[in-house]
Amino acid sequence: SRSIMGWFRQPPGKEREFVAAKTRSSSVTYYGDSVKGRVIISEDNAEN
């Protein structure tokens, strides 16, 4: 409940890179430049 949840990705043969993250306590979000405007990070509290 107090964690910051994020998504990363690792393309074939490349290093892991940041995609998106959000705080659970205040719903602040942050997006990587390569995906900004194309992805949305969200929570489903009912499904956790």
All heavy atoms as atom14 arrays in JSON, in Angstrom:
{
  "sequence": "SRSIMGWFRQPPGKEREFVAAKTRSSSVTYYGDSVKGRVIISEDNAEN",
  "atom14_mask": [
    [1, 1, 1, 1, 1, 1, 0, 0, 0, 0, 0, 0, 0, 0],
    [1, 1, 1, 1, 1, 1, 1, 1, 1, 1, 1, 0, 0, 0],
    [1, 1, 1, 1, 1, 1, 0, 0, 0, 0, 0, 0, 0, 0],
    [1, 1, 1, 1, 1, 1, 1, 1, 0, 0, 0, 0, 0, 0],
    [1, 1, 1, 1, 1, 1, 1, 1, 0, 0, 0, 0, 0, 0],
    [1, 1, 1, 1, 0, 0, 0, 0, 0, 0, 0, 0, 0, 0],
    [1, 1, 1, 1, 1, 1, 1, 1, 1, 1, 1, 1, 1, 1],
    [1, 1, 1, 1, 1, 1, 1, 1, 1, 1, 1, 0, 0, 0],
    [1, 1, 1, 1, 1, 1, 1, 1, 1, 1, 1, 0, 0, 0],
    [1, 1, 1, 1, 1, 1, 1, 1, 1, 0, 0, 0, 0, 0],
    [1, 1, 1, 1, 1, 1, 1, 0, 0, 0, 0, 0, 0, 0],
    [1, 1, 1, 1, 1, 1, 1, 0, 0, 0, 0, 0, 0, 0],
    [1, 1, 1, 1, 0, 0, 0, 0, 0, 0, 0, 0, 0, 0],
    [1, 1, 1, 1, 1, 1, 1, 1, 1, 0, 0, 0, 0, 0],
    [1, 1, 1, 1, 1, 1, 1, 1, 1, 0, 0, 0, 0, 0],
    [1, 1, 1, 1, 1, 1, 1, 1, 1, 1, 1, 0, 0, 0],
    [1, 1, 1, 1, 1, 1, 1, 1, 1, 0, 0, 0, 0, 0],
    [1, 1, 1, 1, 1, 1, 1, 1, 1, 1, 1, 0, 0, 0],
    [1, 1, 1, 1, 1, 1, 1, 0, 0, 0, 0, 0, 0, 0],
    [1, 1, 1, 1, 1, 0, 0, 0, 0, 0, 0, 0, 0, 0],
    [1, 1, 1, 1, 1, 0, 0, 0, 0, 0, 0, 0, 0, 0],
    [1, 1, 1, 1, 1, 1, 1, 1, 1, 0, 0, 0, 0, 0],
    [1, 1, 1, 1, 1, 1, 1, 0, 0, 0, 0, 0, 0, 0],
    [1, 1, 1, 1, 1, 1, 1, 1, 1, 1, 1, 0, 0, 0],
    [1, 1, 1, 1, 1, 1, 0, 0, 0, 0, 0, 0, 0, 0],
    [1, 1, 1, 1, 1, 1, 0, 0, 0, 0, 0, 0, 0, 0],
    [1, 1, 1, 1, 1, 1, 0, 0, 0, 0, 0, 0, 0, 0],
    [1, 1, 1, 1, 1, 1, 1, 0, 0, 0, 0, 0, 0, 0],
    [1, 1, 1, 1, 1, 1, 1, 0, 0, 0, 0, 0, 0, 0],
    [1, 1, 1, 1, 1, 1, 1, 1, 1, 1, 1, 1, 0, 0],
    [1, 1, 1, 1, 1, 1, 1, 1, 1, 1, 1, 1, 0, 0],
    [1, 1, 1, 1, 0, 0, 0, 0, 0, 0, 0, 0, 0, 0],
    [1, 1, 1, 1, 1, 1, 1, 1, 0, 0, 0, 0, 0, 0],
    [1, 1, 1, 1, 1, 1, 0, 0, 0, 0, 0, 0, 0, 0],
    [1, 1, 1, 1, 1, 1, 1, 0, 0, 0, 0, 0, 0, 0],
    [1, 1, 1, 1, 1, 1, 1, 1, 1, 0, 0, 0, 0, 0],
    [1, 1, 1, 1, 0, 0, 0, 0, 0, 0, 0, 0, 0, 0],
    [1, 1, 1, 1, 1, 1, 1, 1, 1, 1, 1, 0, 0, 0],
    [1, 1, 1, 1, 1, 1, 1, 0, 0, 0, 0, 0, 0, 0],
    [1, 1, 1, 1, 1, 1, 1, 1, 0, 0, 0, 0, 0, 0],
    [1, 1, 1, 1, 1, 1, 1, 1, 0, 0, 0, 0, 0, 0],
    [1, 1, 1, 1, 1, 1, 0, 0, 0, 0, 0, 0, 0, 0],
    [1, 1, 1, 1, 1, 1, 1, 1, 1, 0, 0, 0, 0, 0],
    [1, 1, 1, 1, 1, 1, 1, 1, 0, 0, 0, 0, 0, 0],
    [1, 1, 1, 1, 1, 1, 1, 1, 0, 0, 0, 0, 0, 0],
    [1, 1, 1, 1, 1, 0, 0, 0, 0, 0, 0, 0, 0, 0],
    [1, 1, 1, 1, 1, 1, 1, 1, 1, 0, 0, 0, 0, 0],
    [1, 1, 1, 1, 1, 1, 1, 1, 0, 0, 0, 0, 0, 0]
  ],
  "atom14_positions": [
    [[0.81, -1.22, 0.0], [0.0, 0.0, 0.0], [0.85, 1.27, 0.0], [0.39, 2.32, -0.44], [-0.95, 0.01, 1.21], [-0.19, -0.03, 2.41], [0.0, 0.0, 0.0], [0.0, 0.0, 0.0], [0.0, 0.0, 0.0], [0.0, 0.0, 0.0], [0.0, 0.0, 0.0], [0.0, 0.0, 0.0], [0.0, 0.0, 0.0], [0.0, 0.0, 0.0]],
    [[2.08, 1.2, 0.49], [2.95, 2.37, 0.48], [4.06, 2.27, -0.56], [4.94, 3.11, -0.63], [3.57, 2.56, 1.87], [2.59, 3.07, 2.92], [3.26, 3.18, 4.27], [4.53, 3.91, 4.21], [4.63, 5.23, 4.19], [3.55, 5.97, 4.18], [5.83, 5.8, 4.17], [0.0, 0.0, 0.0], [0.0, 0.0, 0.0], [0.0, 0.0, 0.0]],
    [[4.0, 1.25, -1.39], [5.06, 1.03, -2.36], [4.89, 1.93, -3.58], [3.81, 2.46, -3.84], [5.06, -0.43, -2.81], [5.35, -1.29, -1.75], [0.0, 0.0, 0.0], [0.0, 0.0, 0.0], [0.0, 0.0, 0.0], [0.0, 0.0, 0.0], [0.0, 0.0, 0.0], [0.0, 0.0, 0.0], [0.0, 0.0, 0.0], [0.0, 0.0, 0.0]],
    [[5.97, 2.05, -4.31], [5.93, 2.62, -5.65], [6.02, 1.44, -6.6], [6.93, 0.61, -6.5], [7.09, 3.61, -5.83], [6.92, 4.78, -4.87], [7.16, 4.09, -7.29], [8.11, 5.68, -4.74], [0.0, 0.0, 0.0], [0.0, 0.0, 0.0], [0.0, 0.0, 0.0], [0.0, 0.0, 0.0], [0.0, 0.0, 0.0], [0.0, 0.0, 0.0]],
    [[5.03, 1.35, -7.49], [4.94, 0.22, -8.41], [5.4, 0.66, -9.79], [5.01, 1.72, -10.27], [3.5, -0.27, -8.49], [2.87, -0.59, -7.15], [3.65, -1.98, -6.31], [3.22, -3.32, -7.42], [0.0, 0.0, 0.0], [0.0, 0.0, 0.0], [0.0, 0.0, 0.0], [0.0, 0.0, 0.0], [0.0, 0.0, 0.0], [0.0, 0.0, 0.0]],
    [[6.2, -0.17, -10.4], [6.73, 0.22, -11.71], [6.72, -0.89, -12.72], [6.5, -2.06, -12.39], [0.0, 0.0, 0.0], [0.0, 0.0, 0.0], [0.0, 0.0, 0.0], [0.0, 0.0, 0.0], [0.0, 0.0, 0.0], [0.0, 0.0, 0.0], [0.0, 0.0, 0.0], [0.0, 0.0, 0.0], [0.0, 0.0, 0.0], [0.0, 0.0, 0.0]],
    [[6.94, -0.5, -13.96], [7.11, -1.43, -15.06], [8.43, -1.12, -15.76], [8.74, 0.04, -16.04], [5.97, -1.32, -16.07], [4.69, -1.93, -15.6], [3.66, -1.31, -14.94], [4.28, -3.29, -15.75], [2.65, -2.19, -14.68], [3.0, -3.42, -15.17], [4.85, -4.42, -16.34], [2.3, -4.63, -15.15], [4.16, -5.61, -16.33], [2.9, -5.71, -15.73]],
    [[9.18, -2.16, -16.03], [10.41, -2.09, -16.82], [10.27, -3.05, -17.99], [9.4, -3.91, -17.99], [11.62, -2.49, -15.96], [12.05, -1.45, -14.97], [11.32, -1.22, -13.81], [13.2, -0.71, -15.17], [11.72, -0.25, -12.89], [13.63, 0.25, -14.25], [12.87, 0.47, -13.12], [0.0, 0.0, 0.0], [0.0, 0.0, 0.0], [0.0, 0.0, 0.0]],
    [[11.16, -2.92, -18.93], [11.18, -3.88, -20.04], [12.62, -4.13, -20.48], [13.5, -3.29, -20.29], [10.35, -3.36, -21.22], [10.94, -2.13, -21.92], [9.98, -1.65, -22.99], [10.53, -0.52, -23.74], [9.86, 0.15, -24.66], [8.62, -0.21, -24.97], [10.43, 1.16, -25.3], [0.0, 0.0, 0.0], [0.0, 0.0, 0.0], [0.0, 0.0, 0.0]],
    [[12.83, -5.3, -21.06], [14.14, -5.65, -21.56], [14.01, -6.2, -22.97], [13.59, -7.35, -23.16], [14.83, -6.68, -20.66], [16.27, -6.95, -21.05], [17.05, -7.61, -19.94], [16.48, -8.13, -18.98], [18.37, -7.59, -20.06], [0.0, 0.0, 0.0], [0.0, 0.0, 0.0], [0.0, 0.0, 0.0], [0.0, 0.0, 0.0], [0.0, 0.0, 0.0]],
    [[14.33, -5.38, -23.97], [14.29, -5.85, -25.35], [15.38, -6.89, -25.59], [16.38, -6.94, -24.85], [14.54, -4.58, -26.17], [14.28, -3.45, -25.24], [14.65, -3.95, -23.89], [0.0, 0.0, 0.0], [0.0, 0.0, 0.0], [0.0, 0.0, 0.0], [0.0, 0.0, 0.0], [0.0, 0.0, 0.0], [0.0, 0.0, 0.0], [0.0, 0.0, 0.0]],
    [[15.24, -7.69, -26.62], [16.25, -8.71, -26.91], [17.64, -8.1, -27.09], [17.81, -7.16, -27.88], [15.75, -9.34, -28.21], [14.31, -9.02, -28.27], [14.12, -7.72, -27.56], [0.0, 0.0, 0.0], [0.0, 0.0, 0.0], [0.0, 0.0, 0.0], [0.0, 0.0, 0.0], [0.0, 0.0, 0.0], [0.0, 0.0, 0.0], [0.0, 0.0, 0.0]],
    [[18.61, -8.6, -26.36], [19.98, -8.14, -26.5], [20.28, -6.78, -25.92], [21.36, -6.23, -26.13], [0.0, 0.0, 0.0], [0.0, 0.0, 0.0], [0.0, 0.0, 0.0], [0.0, 0.0, 0.0], [0.0, 0.0, 0.0], [0.0, 0.0, 0.0], [0.0, 0.0, 0.0], [0.0, 0.0, 0.0], [0.0, 0.0, 0.0], [0.0, 0.0, 0.0]],
    [[19.32, -6.21, -25.19], [19.52, -4.87, -24.64], [19.34, -4.88, -23.13], [18.9, -5.85, -22.54], [18.54, -3.88, -25.28], [18.74, -3.7, -26.78], [17.81, -2.64, -27.32], [18.03, -2.45, -28.81], [17.13, -1.39, -29.37], [0.0, 0.0, 0.0], [0.0, 0.0, 0.0], [0.0, 0.0, 0.0], [0.0, 0.0, 0.0], [0.0, 0.0, 0.0]],
    [[19.69, -3.76, -22.52], [19.55, -3.65, -21.07], [18.1, -3.35, -20.68], [17.31, -2.86, -21.48], [20.46, -2.54, -20.55], [21.95, -2.84, -20.72], [22.82, -1.79, -20.08], [22.29, -0.77, -19.62], [24.04, -1.99, -20.06], [0.0, 0.0, 0.0], [0.0, 0.0, 0.0], [0.0, 0.0, 0.0], [0.0, 0.0, 0.0], [0.0, 0.0, 0.0]],
    [[17.81, -3.65, -19.43], [16.48, -3.36, -18.91], [16.28, -1.85, -18.84], [17.18, -1.11, -18.44], [16.33, -3.97, -17.52], [14.93, -4.02, -16.98], [14.86, -4.85, -15.72], [15.22, -6.23, -15.96], [15.02, -7.21, -15.08], [14.46, -6.94, -13.91], [15.38, -8.43, -15.35], [0.0, 0.0, 0.0], [0.0, 0.0, 0.0], [0.0, 0.0, 0.0]],
    [[15.09, -1.39, -19.24], [14.81, 0.03, -19.24], [13.48, 0.34, -18.56], [12.55, -0.48, -18.57], [14.8, 0.59, -20.67], [13.7, 0.08, -21.55], [13.64, 0.8, -22.9], [14.31, 1.82, -23.06], [12.88, 0.32, -23.77], [0.0, 0.0, 0.0], [0.0, 0.0, 0.0], [0.0, 0.0, 0.0], [0.0, 0.0, 0.0], [0.0, 0.0, 0.0]],
    [[13.4, 1.53, -18.02], [12.22, 1.97, -17.31], [11.08, 2.27, -18.27], [11.29, 2.87, -19.33], [12.57, 3.21, -16.5], [11.4, 3.87, -15.83], [10.88, 3.35, -14.65], [10.81, 5.0, -16.37], [9.8, 3.96, -14.02], [9.74, 5.62, -15.76], [9.24, 5.09, -14.58], [0.0, 0.0, 0.0], [0.0, 0.0, 0.0], [0.0, 0.0, 0.0]],
    [[9.86, 1.89, -17.88], [8.68, 2.18, -18.68], [7.77, 3.18, -17.96], [7.47, 4.25, -18.49], [7.9, 0.89, -19.01], [6.63, 1.22, -19.77], [8.77, -0.07, -19.8], [0.0, 0.0, 0.0], [0.0, 0.0, 0.0], [0.0, 0.0, 0.0], [0.0, 0.0, 0.0], [0.0, 0.0, 0.0], [0.0, 0.0, 0.0], [0.0, 0.0, 0.0]],
    [[7.33, 2.82, -16.78], [6.39, 3.68, -16.05], [6.36, 3.27, -14.59], [6.72, 2.14, -14.25], [5.0, 3.58, -16.65], [0.0, 0.0, 0.0], [0.0, 0.0, 0.0], [0.0, 0.0, 0.0], [0.0, 0.0, 0.0], [0.0, 0.0, 0.0], [0.0, 0.0, 0.0], [0.0, 0.0, 0.0], [0.0, 0.0, 0.0], [0.0, 0.0, 0.0]],
    [[5.91, 4.19, -13.75], [5.76, 3.88, -12.33], [4.73, 4.81, -11.72], [4.45, 5.88, -12.27], [7.09, 4.0, -11.59], [0.0, 0.0, 0.0], [0.0, 0.0, 0.0], [0.0, 0.0, 0.0], [0.0, 0.0, 0.0], [0.0, 0.0, 0.0], [0.0, 0.0, 0.0], [0.0, 0.0, 0.0], [0.0, 0.0, 0.0], [0.0, 0.0, 0.0]],
    [[4.19, 4.39, -10.6], [3.26, 5.24, -9.87], [3.34, 4.96, -8.38], [3.64, 3.84, -7.97], [1.82, 5.05, -10.36], [1.15, 3.78, -9.91], [-0.27, 3.67, -10.42], [-1.17, 4.78, -9.95], [-1.43, 4.77, -8.5], [0.0, 0.0, 0.0], [0.0, 0.0, 0.0], [0.0, 0.0, 0.0], [0.0, 0.0, 0.0], [0.0, 0.0, 0.0]],
    [[3.07, 5.97, -7.61], [2.96, 5.77, -6.17], [1.57, 5.24, -5.86], [0.59, 5.62, -6.5], [3.18, 7.09, -5.42], [2.14, 8.0, -5.77], [4.52, 7.71, -5.79], [0.0, 0.0, 0.0], [0.0, 0.0, 0.0], [0.0, 0.0, 0.0], [0.0, 0.0, 0.0], [0.0, 0.0, 0.0], [0.0, 0.0, 0.0], [0.0, 0.0, 0.0]],
    [[1.47, 4.41, -4.88], [0.15, 3.9, -4.5], [-0.5, 4.82, -3.49], [-1.72, 4.87, -3.39], [0.28, 2.49, -3.94], [0.87, 1.52, -4.93], [0.5, 0.1, -4.61], [-0.85, -0.22, -5.06], [-1.42, -1.41, -4.92], [-0.75, -2.39, -4.34], [-2.64, -1.64, -5.34], [0.0, 0.0, 0.0], [0.0, 0.0, 0.0], [0.0, 0.0, 0.0]],
    [[0.3, 5.54, -2.74], [-0.26, 6.36, -1.68], [-0.8, 7.68, -2.19], [-1.73, 8.23, -1.62], [0.8, 6.61, -0.6], [1.93, 7.24, -1.17], [0.0, 0.0, 0.0], [0.0, 0.0, 0.0], [0.0, 0.0, 0.0], [0.0, 0.0, 0.0], [0.0, 0.0, 0.0], [0.0, 0.0, 0.0], [0.0, 0.0, 0.0], [0.0, 0.0, 0.0]],
    [[-0.24, 8.21, -3.27], [-0.66, 9.52, -3.76], [-0.97, 9.54, -5.25], [-1.31, 10.58, -5.79], [0.41, 10.56, -3.46], [1.63, 10.21, -4.09], [0.0, 0.0, 0.0], [0.0, 0.0, 0.0], [0.0, 0.0, 0.0], [0.0, 0.0, 0.0], [0.0, 0.0, 0.0], [0.0, 0.0, 0.0], [0.0, 0.0, 0.0], [0.0, 0.0, 0.0]],
    [[-0.83, 8.4, -5.92], [-1.16, 8.28, -7.34], [-0.35, 9.2, -8.24], [-0.83, 9.63, -9.29], [-2.66, 8.52, -7.57], [-3.41, 7.51, -6.96], [0.0, 0.0, 0.0], [0.0, 0.0, 0.0], [0.0, 0.0, 0.0], [0.0, 0.0, 0.0], [0.0, 0.0, 0.0], [0.0, 0.0, 0.0], [0.0, 0.0, 0.0], [0.0, 0.0, 0.0]],
    [[0.86, 9.52, -7.86], [1.77, 10.25, -8.74], [2.33, 9.26, -9.77], [2.68, 8.13, -9.42], [2.92, 10.88, -7.94], [3.95, 11.52, -8.87], [2.37, 11.91, -6.96], [0.0, 0.0, 0.0], [0.0, 0.0, 0.0], [0.0, 0.0, 0.0], [0.0, 0.0, 0.0], [0.0, 0.0, 0.0], [0.0, 0.0, 0.0], [0.0, 0.0, 0.0]],
    [[2.4, 9.66, -11.04], [2.9, 8.78, -12.08], [4.13, 9.38, -12.76], [4.34, 10.6, -12.74], [1.83, 8.53, -13.15], [1.4, 9.78, -13.7], [0.62, 7.81, -12.56], [0.0, 0.0, 0.0], [0.0, 0.0, 0.0], [0.0, 0.0, 0.0], [0.0, 0.0, 0.0], [0.0, 0.0, 0.0], [0.0, 0.0, 0.0], [0.0, 0.0, 0.0]],
    [[4.91, 8.5, -13.37], [6.12, 8.92, -14.09], [6.31, 7.96, -15.25], [6.16, 6.75, -15.07], [7.32, 8.89, -13.15], [8.54, 9.59, -13.68], [8.67, 10.97, -13.55], [9.56, 8.89, -14.31], [9.79, 11.62, -14.04], [10.68, 9.53, -14.81], [10.78, 10.89, -14.66], [11.89, 11.54, -15.15], [0.0, 0.0, 0.0], [0.0, 0.0, 0.0]],
    [[6.64, 8.51, -16.44], [6.76, 7.68, -17.63], [8.12, 7.85, -18.3], [8.71, 8.94, -18.28], [5.66, 8.05, -18.63], [4.28, 7.72, -18.15], [3.49, 8.67, -17.51], [3.75, 6.44, -18.33], [2.22, 8.37, -17.06], [2.47, 6.13, -17.88], [1.72, 7.09, -17.25], [0.47, 6.78, -16.79], [0.0, 0.0, 0.0], [0.0, 0.0, 0.0]],
    [[8.57, 6.76, -18.9], [9.8, 6.83, -19.67], [9.57, 7.58, -20.98], [8.47, 7.56, -21.54], [0.0, 0.0, 0.0], [0.0, 0.0, 0.0], [0.0, 0.0, 0.0], [0.0, 0.0, 0.0], [0.0, 0.0, 0.0], [0.0, 0.0, 0.0], [0.0, 0.0, 0.0], [0.0, 0.0, 0.0], [0.0, 0.0, 0.0], [0.0, 0.0, 0.0]],
    [[10.6, 8.22, -21.49], [10.47, 9.03, -22.7], [10.03, 8.21, -23.91], [9.3, 8.71, -24.77], [11.8, 9.73, -23.01], [12.13, 10.82, -22.02], [11.2, 11.31, -21.33], [13.31, 11.18, -21.91], [0.0, 0.0, 0.0], [0.0, 0.0, 0.0], [0.0, 0.0, 0.0], [0.0, 0.0, 0.0], [0.0, 0.0, 0.0], [0.0, 0.0, 0.0]],
    [[10.47, 6.97, -23.98], [10.17, 6.15, -25.17], [8.71, 5.72, -25.24], [8.26, 5.29, -26.31], [11.07, 4.92, -25.19], [10.84, 4.12, -24.05], [0.0, 0.0, 0.0], [0.0, 0.0, 0.0], [0.0, 0.0, 0.0], [0.0, 0.0, 0.0], [0.0, 0.0, 0.0], [0.0, 0.0, 0.0], [0.0, 0.0, 0.0], [0.0, 0.0, 0.0]],
    [[7.98, 5.82, -24.17], [6.58, 5.37, -24.16], [5.6, 6.47, -23.79], [4.39, 6.27, -23.86], [6.37, 4.18, -23.2], [7.25, 3.01, -23.61], [6.66, 4.61, -21.76], [0.0, 0.0, 0.0], [0.0, 0.0, 0.0], [0.0, 0.0, 0.0], [0.0, 0.0, 0.0], [0.0, 0.0, 0.0], [0.0, 0.0, 0.0], [0.0, 0.0, 0.0]],
    [[6.11, 7.63, -23.44], [5.25, 8.72, -22.97], [4.2, 9.05, -24.02], [4.49, 9.21, -25.2], [6.1, 9.95, -22.66], [5.44, 10.97, -21.77], [6.41, 12.05, -21.38], [7.54, 11.53, -20.53], [8.46, 12.58, -20.09], [0.0, 0.0, 0.0], [0.0, 0.0, 0.0], [0.0, 0.0, 0.0], [0.0, 0.0, 0.0], [0.0, 0.0, 0.0]],
    [[2.94, 9.13, -23.58], [1.83, 9.41, -24.49], [1.21, 8.17, -25.09], [0.14, 8.25, -25.71], [0.0, 0.0, 0.0], [0.0, 0.0, 0.0], [0.0, 0.0, 0.0], [0.0, 0.0, 0.0], [0.0, 0.0, 0.0], [0.0, 0.0, 0.0], [0.0, 0.0, 0.0], [0.0, 0.0, 0.0], [0.0, 0.0, 0.0], [0.0, 0.0, 0.0]],
    [[1.85, 7.02, -24.91], [1.32, 5.78, -25.47], [0.93, 4.76, -24.42], [0.25, 3.78, -24.73], [2.34, 5.15, -26.42], [2.69, 6.01, -27.61], [3.51, 5.24, -28.63], [4.8, 4.82, -28.11], [5.19, 3.55, -28.03], [4.39, 2.58, -28.44], [6.39, 3.25, -27.56], [0.0, 0.0, 0.0], [0.0, 0.0, 0.0], [0.0, 0.0, 0.0]],
    [[1.36, 4.95, -23.19], [1.04, 4.01, -22.13], [0.43, 4.74, -20.93], [0.69, 5.93, -20.72], [2.27, 3.19, -21.68], [2.95, 2.53, -22.86], [3.24, 4.05, -20.9], [0.0, 0.0, 0.0], [0.0, 0.0, 0.0], [0.0, 0.0, 0.0], [0.0, 0.0, 0.0], [0.0, 0.0, 0.0], [0.0, 0.0, 0.0], [0.0, 0.0, 0.0]],
    [[-0.36, 4.0, -20.2], [-0.97, 4.52, -18.98], [-0.82, 3.47, -17.89], [-1.19, 2.31, -18.09], [-2.46, 4.85, -19.18], [-2.63, 5.92, -20.25], [-3.08, 5.32, -17.85], [-4.08, 6.18, -20.62], [0.0, 0.0, 0.0], [0.0, 0.0, 0.0], [0.0, 0.0, 0.0], [0.0, 0.0, 0.0], [0.0, 0.0, 0.0], [0.0, 0.0, 0.0]],
    [[-0.27, 3.87, -16.76], [-0.18, 2.98, -15.61], [-1.32, 3.31, -14.65], [-1.61, 4.49, -14.39], [1.2, 3.1, -14.93], [1.34, 2.05, -13.83], [1.47, 4.5, -14.41], [2.75, 1.94, -13.27], [0.0, 0.0, 0.0], [0.0, 0.0, 0.0], [0.0, 0.0, 0.0], [0.0, 0.0, 0.0], [0.0, 0.0, 0.0], [0.0, 0.0, 0.0]],
    [[-1.97, 2.28, -14.14], [-3.12, 2.5, -13.28], [-3.24, 1.36, -12.28], [-2.55, 0.35, -12.39], [-4.4, 2.61, -14.11], [-4.64, 1.39, -14.79], [0.0, 0.0, 0.0], [0.0, 0.0, 0.0], [0.0, 0.0, 0.0], [0.0, 0.0, 0.0], [0.0, 0.0, 0.0], [0.0, 0.0, 0.0], [0.0, 0.0, 0.0], [0.0, 0.0, 0.0]],
    [[-4.14, 1.56, -11.32], [-4.37, 0.53, -10.31], [-5.8, 0.02, -10.4], [-6.72, 0.77, -10.74], [-4.19, 1.11, -8.9], [-2.79, 1.44, -8.53], [-2.75, 1.95, -7.11], [-3.07, 1.2, -6.19], [-2.41, 3.13, -6.92], [0.0, 0.0, 0.0], [0.0, 0.0, 0.0], [0.0, 0.0, 0.0], [0.0, 0.0, 0.0], [0.0, 0.0, 0.0]],
    [[-5.95, -1.23, -10.07], [-7.27, -1.82, -9.87], [-7.29, -2.27, -8.42], [-6.8, -3.36, -8.09], [-7.49, -2.98, -10.83], [-8.9, -3.54, -10.74], [-9.52, -3.46, -9.64], [-9.4, -4.06, -11.74], [0.0, 0.0, 0.0], [0.0, 0.0, 0.0], [0.0, 0.0, 0.0], [0.0, 0.0, 0.0], [0.0, 0.0, 0.0], [0.0, 0.0, 0.0]],
    [[-7.82, -1.43, -7.55], [-7.77, -1.74, -6.13], [-8.59, -2.96, -5.76], [-8.25, -3.7, -4.84], [-8.24, -0.53, -5.32], [-7.24, 0.61, -5.4], [-6.03, 0.39, -5.42], [-7.73, 1.83, -5.44], [0.0, 0.0, 0.0], [0.0, 0.0, 0.0], [0.0, 0.0, 0.0], [0.0, 0.0, 0.0], [0.0, 0.0, 0.0], [0.0, 0.0, 0.0]],
    [[-9.67, -3.2, -6.49], [-10.5, -4.36, -6.2], [-9.73, -5.66, -6.46], [-9.89, -6.65, -5.75], [-11.77, -4.31, -7.03], [0.0, 0.0, 0.0], [0.0, 0.0, 0.0], [0.0, 0.0, 0.0], [0.0, 0.0, 0.0], [0.0, 0.0, 0.0], [0.0, 0.0, 0.0], [0.0, 0.0, 0.0], [0.0, 0.0, 0.0], [0.0, 0.0, 0.0]],
    [[-8.91, -5.64, -7.51], [-8.13, -6.84, -7.87], [-6.73, -6.8, -7.28], [-5.99, -7.78, -7.41], [-8.05, -6.95, -9.39], [-9.39, -7.11, -10.08], [-10.03, -8.44, -9.77], [-9.28, -9.42, -9.5], [-11.27, -8.52, -9.77], [0.0, 0.0, 0.0], [0.0, 0.0, 0.0], [0.0, 0.0, 0.0], [0.0, 0.0, 0.0], [0.0, 0.0, 0.0]],
    [[-6.35, -5.7, -6.66], [-4.99, -5.51, -6.12], [-3.95, -5.71, -7.21], [-2.97, -6.46, -7.05], [-4.72, -6.45, -4.95], [-3.5, -6.01, -4.14], [-3.14, -4.83, -4.13], [-2.84, -6.95, -3.47], [0.0, 0.0, 0.0], [0.0, 0.0, 0.0], [0.0, 0.0, 0.0], [0.0, 0.0, 0.0], [0.0, 0.0, 0.0], [0.0, 0.0, 0.0]]
  ]
}
